[in-house]
Amino acid sequence: MFIRATEMNPTDMTLVGLFAVNRNLFKSLIATMVTYLVVLLQFQISIPEDQGSTNSTNV
């Protein structure tokens, strides 16, 4: 009943008047975090594990 009431009468909340705090904001935040994690995982996969052997020189 509470969820239905809040869906029918959404509150208008703003953060210091800069932007509205609503469901779209949370959806955007989640999408941004997922995208950031995917990029981090791609960089982690592309890093070779044995970097010491490629930089060794014989004197």
Protein backbone atom coordinates (compact mmCIF):
# COMPACT_ATOMS: atom_id res chain seq x y z
CA MET A 1 0.00 0.00 0.00
CA PHE A 2 2.85 2.41 0.79
CA ILE A 3 4.61 1.64 -2.49
CA ARG A 4 1.45 2.23 -4.48
CA ALA A 5 0.85 5.52 -2.66
CA THR A 6 4.38 6.72 -3.41
CA GLU A 7 4.05 5.73 -7.06
CA MET A 8 0.81 7.67 -7.41
CA ASN A 9 2.15 10.76 -5.57
CA PRO A 10 5.90 11.02 -6.16
CA THR A 11 7.76 13.51 -4.01
CA ASP A 12 9.83 16.27 -5.54
CA MET A 13 13.26 16.12 -3.97
CA THR A 14 16.27 18.08 -5.14
CA LEU A 15 19.83 18.12 -3.99
CA VAL A 16 20.54 21.74 -3.11
CA GLY A 17 18.48 22.72 -6.14
CA LEU A 18 21.05 21.24 -8.55
CA PHE A 19 19.24 18.12 -9.72
CA ALA A 20 16.21 16.02 -8.88
CA VAL A 21 16.62 12.94 -6.72
CA ASN A 22 14.33 10.30 -8.19
CA ARG A 23 14.31 6.81 -9.69
CA ASN A 24 15.94 8.00 -12.91
CA LEU A 25 18.91 9.22 -10.90
CA PHE A 26 19.35 5.83 -9.26
CA LYS A 27 19.01 4.03 -12.60
CA SER A 28 21.68 6.29 -14.05
CA LEU A 29 23.99 5.71 -11.10
CA ILE A 30 23.66 1.93 -11.38
CA ALA A 31 24.26 2.04 -15.15
CA THR A 32 27.36 4.18 -14.63
CA MET A 33 28.76 1.86 -11.98
CA VAL A 34 28.18 -1.23 -14.12
CA THR A 35 29.88 0.43 -17.10
CA TYR A 36 32.83 1.44 -14.92
CA LEU A 37 33.18 -2.11 -13.58
CA VAL A 38 33.10 -3.58 -17.10
CA VAL A 39 35.89 -1.22 -18.19
CA LEU A 40 37.95 -2.12 -15.11
CA LEU A 41 37.48 -5.82 -15.78
CA GLN A 42 38.58 -5.38 -19.38
CA PHE A 43 41.77 -3.64 -18.27
CA GLN A 44 42.40 -6.33 -15.66
CA ILE A 45 42.04 -9.07 -18.28
CA SER A 46 44.40 -7.31 -20.71
CA ILE A 47 47.27 -7.03 -18.18
CA PRO A 48 49.74 -9.91 -18.61
CA GLU A 49 50.40 -11.84 -15.43
CA ASP A 50 54.16 -12.42 -15.86
CA GLN A 51 55.52 -8.95 -16.50
CA GLY A 52 58.92 -9.66 -14.90
CA SER A 53 60.16 -11.99 -17.64
CA THR A 54 59.57 -9.49 -20.49
CA ASN A 55 61.70 -6.77 -18.86
CA SER A 56 64.70 -8.88 -17.87
CA THR A 57 68.08 -8.21 -19.51
CA ASN A 58 71.21 -10.34 -19.45
CA VAL A 59 74.40 -8.53 -18.44
